[in-house]
Amino acid sequence: MNVGRSFRSKLVVLACCAGALAPNAATAQAPAGDESGKWQFAATIYAYLPTIGGQLAFPVAAGGSSINVNADTLLENLKFVFMGSLDAHNGRWGMFTDVIYMDVGGSKTNTRDFSIGNIGLPAGTTADLNLDLKATIWTLAGEYRLASDPAWKVDVLAGARLLDVKPSLGWTINGDLGPITPPGRSGSKDISESVWDAVIGIKGRYFFGDDRRWGIPFYIDVGTGQTQLTWQAAAGISYSYSWGDLIAMWRYLDYDFKSGKQIDSLNLNGPMFGATFRW
């Protein structure tokens, strides 16, 4: 799903106005001396501007054909988004939670970017398609600090991630379908998947420069459970002030579903920018 310019511009405005908290990949690590036993917190206001990719199959008759779409050609418009996370540490132990909710949609007229039962379409056959996707991605994990010094902050993490995704497709098929048995010239269909996966990973930041103000934040996790595989990675650059940090990162989140699912794959890939606050 390729999120268009209108989606990107609206996402920047909404994310900043809502004061959403950034994914923990971007969260600043606590400064040196964080082993004092006091609770320390970090939160980030950010804008995440991904392209969204995925392959979806909408079964429209029991035991019959399905309409398959490669949704990166359809999703263009943001309807609603909320993203938030919180990181807390007490000595070497800590935890974080991260929530992404998005509602995106789009439509195309006279398109051939679909198939029926994975059979090629006759020449001249097109469709008017309208796709909407609602998704919640929630990660919850505990952390243990492996390294804490002026140059490095590194945490190992373990937890779980929920993906709850609900695509809906409306269609009107135009032209001759030849030997293909149509599922109905027009109609609509909703599908949904809700899956949990256990995840493990590592996150941290490397500080450099004479005053250690510049940093390279990084995050990676991998997991499995009700999906075949999910993984996430992010890295970028940061600059520290007395109040917190400015950050710019590239983030990728991927899901590979088990065979037989109506959703084959889902991924988010793109830059994010934000400001981290610590207290």
C-alpha atoms as a PDB file:
ATOM      1  CA  MET A   1       0.000   0.000   0.000  1.00  0.00           C
ATOM      2  CA  ASN A   2       1.661   3.197  -1.098  1.00  0.00           C
ATOM      3  CA  VAL A   3       0.587   6.073   1.089  1.00  0.00           C
ATOM      4  CA  GLY A   4       0.354   9.195  -1.070  1.00  0.00           C
ATOM      5  CA  ARG A   5       1.364  12.772  -0.488  1.00  0.00           C
ATOM      6  CA  SER A   6      -1.988  13.743   1.001  1.00  0.00           C
ATOM      7  CA  PHE A   7      -1.633  10.941   3.554  1.00  0.00           C
ATOM      8  CA  ARG A   8       1.888  12.071   4.445  1.00  0.00           C
ATOM      9  CA  SER A   9       1.049  15.746   4.889  1.00  0.00           C
ATOM     10  CA  LYS A  10      -2.026  15.032   7.015  1.00  0.00           C
ATOM     11  CA  LEU A  11      -0.085  12.548   9.134  1.00  0.00           C
ATOM     12  CA  VAL A  12       2.554  15.162   9.981  1.00  0.00           C
ATOM     13  CA  VAL A  13      -0.078  17.653  11.123  1.00  0.00           C
ATOM     14  CA  LEU A  14      -2.110  15.164  13.148  1.00  0.00           C
ATOM     15  CA  ALA A  15       0.866  13.517  14.810  1.00  0.00           C
ATOM     16  CA  CYS A  16       2.329  16.829  15.923  1.00  0.00           C
ATOM     17  CA  CYS A  17      -0.994  18.357  17.042  1.00  0.00           C
ATOM     18  CA  ALA A  18      -2.040  15.259  18.954  1.00  0.00           C
ATOM     19  CA  GLY A  19       1.310  15.046  20.751  1.00  0.00           C
ATOM     20  CA  ALA A  20       1.559  11.348  20.028  1.00  0.00           C
ATOM     21  CA  LEU A  21       4.376   9.484  21.729  1.00  0.00           C
ATOM     22  CA  ALA A  22       6.985   7.903  19.483  1.00  0.00           C
ATOM     23  CA  PRO A  23       7.770   4.233  19.021  1.00  0.00           C
ATOM     24  CA  ASN A  24      10.339   3.047  21.495  1.00  0.00           C
ATOM     25  CA  ALA A  25      12.919   2.595  18.756  1.00  0.00           C
ATOM     26  CA  ALA A  26      13.261   6.364  18.869  1.00  0.00           C
ATOM     27  CA  THR A  27      13.007   6.816  22.620  1.00  0.00           C
ATOM     28  CA  ALA A  28      16.094   8.350  24.150  1.00  0.00           C
ATOM     29  CA  GLN A  29      18.087   6.189  26.516  1.00  0.00           C
ATOM     30  CA  ALA A  30      18.423   7.634  29.986  1.00  0.00           C
ATOM     31  CA  PRO A  31      21.617   9.608  30.646  1.00  0.00           C
ATOM     32  CA  ALA A  32      24.669   8.220  32.402  1.00  0.00           C
ATOM     33  CA  GLY A  33      24.030   7.478  36.055  1.00  0.00           C
ATOM     34  CA  ASP A  34      20.695   5.791  35.430  1.00  0.00           C
ATOM     35  CA  GLU A  35      21.521   2.988  37.890  1.00  0.00           C
ATOM     36  CA  SER A  36      20.437   5.120  40.872  1.00  0.00           C
ATOM     37  CA  GLY A  37      17.180   3.202  41.382  1.00  0.00           C
ATOM     38  CA  LYS A  38      14.968   6.179  40.548  1.00  0.00           C
ATOM     39  CA  TRP A  39      12.256   5.866  37.935  1.00  0.00           C
ATOM     40  CA  GLN A  40      13.197   7.607  34.699  1.00  0.00           C
ATOM     41  CA  PHE A  41      10.807   8.174  31.800  1.00  0.00           C
ATOM     42  CA  ALA A  42      11.119   9.105  28.122  1.00  0.00           C
ATOM     43  CA  ALA A  43       8.445  10.057  25.589  1.00  0.00           C
ATOM     44  CA  THR A  44       8.597  11.402  22.046  1.00  0.00           C
ATOM     45  CA  ILE A  45       6.383  13.536  19.836  1.00  0.00           C
ATOM     46  CA  TYR A  46       6.884  12.300  16.288  1.00  0.00           C
ATOM     47  CA  ALA A  47       5.599  11.875  12.749  1.00  0.00           C
ATOM     48  CA  TYR A  48       5.997   8.481  11.055  1.00  0.00           C
ATOM     49  CA  LEU A  49       5.549   8.651   7.277  1.00  0.00           C
ATOM     50  CA  PRO A  50       5.560   5.081   5.921  1.00  0.00           C
ATOM     51  CA  THR A  51       4.576   3.496   2.700  1.00  0.00           C
ATOM     52  CA  ILE A  52       2.358   0.506   3.507  1.00  0.00           C
ATOM     53  CA  GLY A  53       2.603  -2.706   1.533  1.00  0.00           C
ATOM     54  CA  GLY A  54       0.511  -5.846   1.612  1.00  0.00           C
ATOM     55  CA  GLN A  55      -1.350  -8.529  -0.335  1.00  0.00           C
ATOM     56  CA  LEU A  56      -4.988  -9.203   0.530  1.00  0.00           C
ATOM     57  CA  ALA A  57      -7.524 -11.808  -0.591  1.00  0.00           C
ATOM     58  CA  PHE A  58     -11.255 -11.134  -0.168  1.00  0.00           C
ATOM     59  CA  PRO A  59     -13.293 -14.378  -0.418  1.00  0.00           C
ATOM     60  CA  VAL A  60     -16.657 -13.478  -1.890  1.00  0.00           C
ATOM     61  CA  ALA A  61     -18.321 -16.889  -2.055  1.00  0.00           C
ATOM     62  CA  ALA A  62     -18.066 -19.946   0.178  1.00  0.00           C
ATOM     63  CA  GLY A  63     -15.504 -22.263  -1.408  1.00  0.00           C
ATOM     64  CA  GLY A  64     -15.353 -20.050  -4.484  1.00  0.00           C
ATOM     65  CA  SER A  65     -13.105 -17.428  -5.978  1.00  0.00           C
ATOM     66  CA  SER A  66     -11.654 -14.475  -4.152  1.00  0.00           C
ATOM     67  CA  ILE A  67     -10.789 -10.972  -5.299  1.00  0.00           C
ATOM     68  CA  ASN A  68      -7.089 -10.380  -4.697  1.00  0.00           C
ATOM     69  CA  VAL A  69      -5.555  -6.927  -4.480  1.00  0.00           C
ATOM     70  CA  ASN A  70      -2.038  -5.670  -4.027  1.00  0.00           C
ATOM     71  CA  ALA A  71      -3.152  -2.829  -1.816  1.00  0.00           C
ATOM     72  CA  ASP A  72      -0.074  -0.616  -2.230  1.00  0.00           C
ATOM     73  CA  THR A  73      -1.763   0.675  -5.386  1.00  0.00           C
ATOM     74  CA  LEU A  74      -4.942   1.713  -3.537  1.00  0.00           C
ATOM     75  CA  LEU A  75      -4.268   3.283  -0.141  1.00  0.00           C
ATOM     76  CA  GLU A  76      -3.702   7.012  -0.451  1.00  0.00           C
ATOM     77  CA  ASN A  77      -5.762   8.909   2.118  1.00  0.00           C
ATOM     78  CA  LEU A  78      -5.412   9.174   5.867  1.00  0.00           C
ATOM     79  CA  LYS A  79      -8.684   9.083   7.811  1.00  0.00           C
ATOM     80  CA  PHE A  80      -7.399   8.843  11.382  1.00  0.00           C
ATOM     81  CA  VAL A  81      -4.134   7.998  13.141  1.00  0.00           C
ATOM     82  CA  PHE A  82      -2.871   7.699  16.708  1.00  0.00           C
ATOM     83  CA  MET A  83       0.603   6.590  17.741  1.00  0.00           C
ATOM     84  CA  GLY A  84       1.951   6.575  21.282  1.00  0.00           C
ATOM     85  CA  SER A  85       4.552   4.944  23.499  1.00  0.00           C
ATOM     86  CA  LEU A  86       6.094   5.289  26.939  1.00  0.00           C
ATOM     87  CA  ASP A  87       9.446   4.056  28.259  1.00  0.00           C
ATOM     88  CA  ALA A  88      10.201   3.681  31.990  1.00  0.00           C
ATOM     89  CA  HIS A  89      13.392   2.541  33.758  1.00  0.00           C
ATOM     90  CA  ASN A  90      14.274   1.870  37.376  1.00  0.00           C
ATOM     91  CA  GLY A  91      17.920   0.917  37.636  1.00  0.00           C
ATOM     92  CA  ARG A  92      18.700  -1.764  35.069  1.00  0.00           C
ATOM     93  CA  TRP A  93      15.081  -2.902  34.713  1.00  0.00           C
ATOM     94  CA  GLY A  94      12.494  -1.186  32.592  1.00  0.00           C
ATOM     95  CA  MET A  95       9.446  -1.570  30.364  1.00  0.00           C
ATOM     96  CA  PHE A  96       7.752   0.093  27.435  1.00  0.00           C
ATOM     97  CA  THR A  97       4.479   0.034  25.575  1.00  0.00           C
ATOM     98  CA  ASP A  98       3.848   1.240  22.040  1.00  0.00           C
ATOM     99  CA  VAL A  99       0.527   1.606  20.186  1.00  0.00           C
ATOM    100  CA  ILE A 100      -0.112   2.461  16.547  1.00  0.00           C
ATOM    101  CA  TYR A 101      -3.654   2.906  15.262  1.00  0.00           C
ATOM    102  CA  MET A 102      -4.355   3.955  11.687  1.00  0.00           C
ATOM    103  CA  ASP A 103      -7.343   4.159   9.367  1.00  0.00           C
ATOM    104  CA  VAL A 104      -6.352   4.671   5.723  1.00  0.00           C
ATOM    105  CA  GLY A 105      -8.220   4.266   2.463  1.00  0.00           C
ATOM    106  CA  GLY A 106      -8.257   4.934  -1.228  1.00  0.00           C
ATOM    107  CA  SER A 107      -9.958   4.126  -4.507  1.00  0.00           C
ATOM    108  CA  LYS A 108      -9.222   3.574  -8.185  1.00  0.00           C
ATOM    109  CA  THR A 109     -11.450   3.565 -11.238  1.00  0.00           C
ATOM    110  CA  ASN A 110     -10.947   1.467 -14.371  1.00  0.00           C
ATOM    111  CA  THR A 111      -7.994  -0.337 -12.813  1.00  0.00           C
ATOM    112  CA  ARG A 112      -6.546  -3.749 -13.643  1.00  0.00           C
ATOM    113  CA  ASP A 113      -4.637  -4.023 -10.356  1.00  0.00           C
ATOM    114  CA  PHE A 114      -6.615  -7.029  -9.124  1.00  0.00           C
ATOM    115  CA  SER A 115      -7.222 -10.695  -9.905  1.00  0.00           C
ATOM    116  CA  ILE A 116     -10.051 -13.162  -9.398  1.00  0.00           C
ATOM    117  CA  GLY A 117      -8.929 -16.482  -7.999  1.00  0.00           C
ATOM    118  CA  ASN A 118      -5.364 -15.703  -9.164  1.00  0.00           C
ATOM    119  CA  ILE A 119      -6.443 -16.018 -12.802  1.00  0.00           C
ATOM    120  CA  GLY A 120      -5.299 -13.474 -15.365  1.00  0.00           C
ATOM    121  CA  LEU A 121      -7.941 -11.022 -16.512  1.00  0.00           C
ATOM    122  CA  PRO A 122      -9.122 -10.840 -20.130  1.00  0.00           C
ATOM    123  CA  ALA A 123      -8.016  -7.754 -22.035  1.00  0.00           C
ATOM    124  CA  GLY A 124     -10.333  -4.832 -21.482  1.00  0.00           C
ATOM    125  CA  THR A 125     -11.611  -5.995 -18.079  1.00  0.00           C
ATOM    126  CA  THR A 126     -11.303  -3.333 -15.384  1.00  0.00           C
ATOM    127  CA  ALA A 127     -12.815  -2.556 -11.997  1.00  0.00           C
ATOM    128  CA  ASP A 128     -13.658   0.334  -9.746  1.00  0.00           C
ATOM    129  CA  LEU A 129     -12.148  -0.519  -6.353  1.00  0.00           C
ATOM    130  CA  ASN A 130     -12.503   1.112  -2.939  1.00  0.00           C
ATOM    131  CA  LEU A 131     -10.239  -0.147  -0.136  1.00  0.00           C
ATOM    132  CA  ASP A 132     -10.217   0.794   3.545  1.00  0.00           C
ATOM    133  CA  LEU A 133      -7.820  -0.559   6.163  1.00  0.00           C
ATOM    134  CA  LYS A 134      -7.969  -0.159   9.937  1.00  0.00           C
ATOM    135  CA  ALA A 135      -4.999  -1.489  11.917  1.00  0.00           C
ATOM    136  CA  THR A 136      -3.860  -1.540  15.535  1.00  0.00           C
ATOM    137  CA  ILE A 137      -0.296  -2.585  16.366  1.00  0.00           C
ATOM    138  CA  TRP A 138       0.493  -2.825  20.089  1.00  0.00           C
ATOM    139  CA  THR A 139       3.880  -3.839  21.516  1.00  0.00           C
ATOM    140  CA  LEU A 140       4.470  -4.437  25.231  1.00  0.00           C
ATOM    141  CA  ALA A 141       7.865  -5.540  26.562  1.00  0.00           C
ATOM    142  CA  GLY A 142      10.141  -5.641  29.568  1.00  0.00           C
ATOM    143  CA  GLU A 143      13.763  -4.483  29.322  1.00  0.00           C
ATOM    144  CA  TYR A 144      17.113  -5.156  30.965  1.00  0.00           C
ATOM    145  CA  ARG A 145      19.984  -2.705  30.555  1.00  0.00           C
ATOM    146  CA  LEU A 146      23.149  -4.409  29.328  1.00  0.00           C
ATOM    147  CA  ALA A 147      25.335  -1.314  29.002  1.00  0.00           C
ATOM    148  CA  SER A 148      25.184   2.183  30.468  1.00  0.00           C
ATOM    149  CA  ASP A 149      28.086   4.589  30.014  1.00  0.00           C
ATOM    150  CA  PRO A 150      28.685   7.950  28.289  1.00  0.00           C
ATOM    151  CA  ALA A 151      29.101   6.276  24.889  1.00  0.00           C
ATOM    152  CA  TRP A 152      26.590   3.405  24.943  1.00  0.00           C
ATOM    153  CA  LYS A 153      23.114   2.669  26.226  1.00  0.00           C
ATOM    154  CA  VAL A 154      21.917  -0.842  25.296  1.00  0.00           C
ATOM    155  CA  ASP A 155      18.780  -2.702  26.446  1.00  0.00           C
ATOM    156  CA  VAL A 156      17.678  -6.242  25.688  1.00  0.00           C
ATOM    157  CA  LEU A 157      13.897  -6.690  25.545  1.00  0.00           C
ATOM    158  CA  ALA A 158      11.257  -9.428  25.544  1.00  0.00           C
ATOM    159  CA  GLY A 159       7.509  -9.154  25.228  1.00  0.00           C
ATOM    160  CA  ALA A 160       4.602  -9.500  22.820  1.00  0.00           C
ATOM    161  CA  ARG A 161       3.043  -7.671  19.884  1.00  0.00           C
ATOM    162  CA  LEU A 162      -0.598  -7.612  18.810  1.00  0.00           C
ATOM    163  CA  LEU A 163      -1.695  -6.905  15.257  1.00  0.00           C
ATOM    164  CA  ASP A 164      -5.396  -6.341  14.715  1.00  0.00           C
ATOM    165  CA  VAL A 165      -6.126  -5.449  11.088  1.00  0.00           C
ATOM    166  CA  LYS A 166      -9.484  -5.029   9.325  1.00  0.00           C
ATOM    167  CA  PRO A 167      -9.459  -4.360   5.566  1.00  0.00           C
ATOM    168  CA  SER A 168     -12.665  -3.849   3.586  1.00  0.00           C
ATOM    169  CA  LEU A 169     -13.062  -3.812  -0.203  1.00  0.00           C
ATOM    170  CA  GLY A 170     -15.834  -2.542  -2.429  1.00  0.00           C
ATOM    171  CA  TRP A 171     -15.799  -3.322  -6.163  1.00  0.00           C
ATOM    172  CA  THR A 172     -17.600  -2.902  -9.455  1.00  0.00           C
ATOM    173  CA  ILE A 173     -16.258  -5.016 -12.347  1.00  0.00           C
ATOM    174  CA  ASN A 174     -16.478  -3.710 -15.917  1.00  0.00           C
ATOM    175  CA  GLY A 175     -16.004  -5.609 -19.188  1.00  0.00           C
ATOM    176  CA  ASP A 176     -16.017  -9.205 -20.339  1.00  0.00           C
ATOM    177  CA  LEU A 177     -14.660 -11.738 -17.812  1.00  0.00           C
ATOM    178  CA  GLY A 178     -14.432 -14.551 -20.379  1.00  0.00           C
ATOM    179  CA  PRO A 179     -14.057 -17.971 -18.697  1.00  0.00           C
ATOM    180  CA  ILE A 180     -13.799 -16.470 -15.201  1.00  0.00           C
ATOM    181  CA  THR A 181     -16.839 -17.075 -13.021  1.00  0.00           C
ATOM    182  CA  PRO A 182     -17.487 -13.677 -11.479  1.00  0.00           C
ATOM    183  CA  PRO A 183     -18.092 -13.355  -7.740  1.00  0.00           C
ATOM    184  CA  GLY A 184     -20.654 -10.692  -8.548  1.00  0.00           C
ATOM    185  CA  ARG A 185     -20.217  -7.671 -10.755  1.00  0.00           C
ATOM    186  CA  SER A 186     -20.395  -5.433  -7.717  1.00  0.00           C
ATOM    187  CA  GLY A 187     -20.278  -5.900  -3.978  1.00  0.00           C
ATOM    188  CA  SER A 188     -18.241  -5.428  -0.822  1.00  0.00           C
ATOM    189  CA  LYS A 189     -16.432  -7.644   1.654  1.00  0.00           C
ATOM    190  CA  ASP A 190     -14.749  -7.203   5.060  1.00  0.00           C
ATOM    191  CA  ILE A 191     -11.998  -9.427   6.432  1.00  0.00           C
ATOM    192  CA  SER A 192     -10.071  -9.285   9.693  1.00  0.00           C
ATOM    193  CA  GLU A 193      -7.072 -10.819  11.410  1.00  0.00           C
ATOM    194  CA  SER A 194      -6.062 -10.502  15.071  1.00  0.00           C
ATOM    195  CA  VAL A 195      -2.744 -12.151  15.946  1.00  0.00           C
ATOM    196  CA  TRP A 196      -0.307 -12.190  18.863  1.00  0.00           C
ATOM    197  CA  ASP A 197       3.420 -12.856  18.576  1.00  0.00           C
ATOM    198  CA  ALA A 198       6.185 -13.144  21.146  1.00  0.00           C
ATOM    199  CA  VAL A 199       9.088 -10.800  20.345  1.00  0.00           C
ATOM    200  CA  ILE A 200      12.666 -10.404  21.531  1.00  0.00           C
ATOM    201  CA  GLY A 201      15.067  -7.655  20.566  1.00  0.00           C
ATOM    202  CA  ILE A 202      17.638  -5.040  21.423  1.00  0.00           C
ATOM    203  CA  LYS A 203      17.591  -1.257  21.402  1.00  0.00           C
ATOM    204  CA  GLY A 204      19.939   1.503  22.371  1.00  0.00           C
ATOM    205  CA  ARG A 205      22.008   4.445  21.306  1.00  0.00           C
ATOM    206  CA  TYR A 206      25.654   5.158  20.553  1.00  0.00           C
ATOM    207  CA  PHE A 207      26.792   8.673  21.503  1.00  0.00           C
ATOM    208  CA  PHE A 208      29.715  10.348  19.754  1.00  0.00           C
ATOM    209  CA  GLY A 209      31.417  13.722  19.413  1.00  0.00           C
ATOM    210  CA  ASP A 210      33.450  15.686  21.934  1.00  0.00           C
ATOM    211  CA  ASP A 211      30.367  16.539  24.034  1.00  0.00           C
ATOM    212  CA  ARG A 212      28.423  13.316  23.294  1.00  0.00           C
ATOM    213  CA  ARG A 213      25.484  15.296  21.913  1.00  0.00           C
ATOM    214  CA  TRP A 214      25.260  13.380  18.641  1.00  0.00           C
ATOM    215  CA  GLY A 215      23.881   9.863  18.744  1.00  0.00           C
ATOM    216  CA  ILE A 216      22.874   6.882  16.621  1.00  0.00           C
ATOM    217  CA  PRO A 217      19.649   5.372  18.001  1.00  0.00           C
ATOM    218  CA  PHE A 218      18.823   1.834  16.919  1.00  0.00           C
ATOM    219  CA  TYR A 219      16.144  -0.805  17.486  1.00  0.00           C
ATOM    220  CA  ILE A 220      15.513  -4.328  16.212  1.00  0.00           C
ATOM    221  CA  ASP A 221      13.116  -7.090  17.237  1.00  0.00           C
ATOM    222  CA  VAL A 222      11.948 -10.392  15.799  1.00  0.00           C
ATOM    223  CA  GLY A 223       9.110 -12.677  16.768  1.00  0.00           C
ATOM    224  CA  THR A 224       6.691 -15.422  15.890  1.00  0.00           C
ATOM    225  CA  GLY A 225       3.548 -17.023  17.204  1.00  0.00           C
ATOM    226  CA  GLN A 226       0.259 -16.689  15.382  1.00  0.00           C
ATOM    227  CA  THR A 227       2.112 -15.310  12.352  1.00  0.00           C
ATOM    228  CA  GLN A 228       4.934 -16.994  10.489  1.00  0.00           C
ATOM    229  CA  LEU A 229       7.337 -14.146  11.266  1.00  0.00           C
ATOM    230  CA  THR A 230       7.284 -10.518  12.340  1.00  0.00           C
ATOM    231  CA  TRP A 231      10.275  -8.236  12.630  1.00  0.00           C
ATOM    232  CA  GLN A 232      11.015  -4.573  13.060  1.00  0.00           C
ATOM    233  CA  ALA A 233      14.139  -2.437  12.659  1.00  0.00           C
ATOM    234  CA  ALA A 234      14.921   1.265  12.964  1.00  0.00           C
ATOM    235  CA  ALA A 235      18.066   3.396  12.981  1.00  0.00           C
ATOM    236  CA  GLY A 236      18.948   7.034  12.507  1.00  0.00           C
ATOM    237  CA  ILE A 237      20.594  10.108  13.999  1.00  0.00           C
ATOM    238  CA  SER A 238      19.870  12.221  17.083  1.00  0.00           C
ATOM    239  CA  TYR A 239      21.099  15.405  18.740  1.00  0.00           C
ATOM    240  CA  SER A 240      20.762  15.997  22.495  1.00  0.00           C
ATOM    241  CA  TYR A 241      19.797  19.163  24.379  1.00  0.00           C
ATOM    242  CA  SER A 242      19.280  19.763  28.091  1.00  0.00           C
ATOM    243  CA  TRP A 243      15.553  19.003  27.727  1.00  0.00           C
ATOM    244  CA  GLY A 244      15.838  15.979  25.446  1.00  0.00           C
ATOM    245  CA  ASP A 245      16.652  15.078  21.849  1.00  0.00           C
ATOM    246  CA  LEU A 246      15.749  15.697  18.229  1.00  0.00           C
ATOM    247  CA  ILE A 247      15.674  12.512  16.166  1.00  0.00           C
ATOM    248  CA  ALA A 248      15.394  11.349  12.561  1.00  0.00           C
ATOM    249  CA  MET A 249      15.117   7.626  11.838  1.00  0.00           C
ATOM    250  CA  TRP A 250      14.118   5.106   9.208  1.00  0.00           C
ATOM    251  CA  ARG A 251      11.732   2.411  10.467  1.00  0.00           C
ATOM    252  CA  TYR A 252      10.583  -0.854   8.890  1.00  0.00           C
ATOM    253  CA  LEU A 253       7.922  -3.204  10.316  1.00  0.00           C
ATOM    254  CA  ASP A 254       7.053  -6.461   8.553  1.00  0.00           C
ATOM    255  CA  TYR A 255       4.508  -9.267   8.968  1.00  0.00           C
ATOM    256  CA  ASP A 256       4.565 -12.584   7.103  1.00  0.00           C
ATOM    257  CA  PHE A 257       1.348 -14.512   7.753  1.00  0.00           C
ATOM    258  CA  LYS A 258       0.965 -18.269   7.790  1.00  0.00           C
ATOM    259  CA  SER A 259      -0.379 -19.976   4.670  1.00  0.00           C
ATOM    260  CA  GLY A 260      -4.131 -20.009   4.248  1.00  0.00           C
ATOM    261  CA  LYS A 261      -4.665 -16.564   5.750  1.00  0.00           C
ATOM    262  CA  GLN A 262      -6.657 -13.945   3.876  1.00  0.00           C
ATOM    263  CA  ILE A 263      -3.842 -11.474   4.516  1.00  0.00           C
ATOM    264  CA  ASP A 264      -0.581 -12.731   3.038  1.00  0.00           C
ATOM    265  CA  SER A 265       1.744  -9.952   4.169  1.00  0.00           C
ATOM    266  CA  LEU A 266       1.799  -6.467   5.647  1.00  0.00           C
ATOM    267  CA  ASN A 267       4.630  -3.978   6.041  1.00  0.00           C
ATOM    268  CA  LEU A 268       5.292  -0.356   6.959  1.00  0.00           C
ATOM    269  CA  ASN A 269       8.445   1.310   5.633  1.00  0.00           C
ATOM    270  CA  GLY A 270       9.500   4.934   5.912  1.00  0.00           C
ATOM    271  CA  PRO A 271      11.056   7.839   7.831  1.00  0.00           C
ATOM    272  CA  MET A 272      10.030   9.297  11.147  1.00  0.00           C
ATOM    273  CA  PHE A 273      11.010  12.554  12.824  1.00  0.00           C
ATOM    274  CA  GLY A 274      10.461  13.640  16.398  1.00  0.00           C
ATOM    275  CA  ALA A 275      11.481  15.284  19.645  1.00  0.00           C
ATOM    276  CA  THR A 276      12.169  13.213  22.768  1.00  0.00           C
ATOM    277  CA  PHE A 277      11.476  14.499  26.279  1.00  0.00           C
ATOM    278  CA  ARG A 278      12.966  12.939  29.441  1.00  0.00           C
ATOM    279  CA  TRP A 279      12.042  13.322  33.077  1.00  0.00           C
END
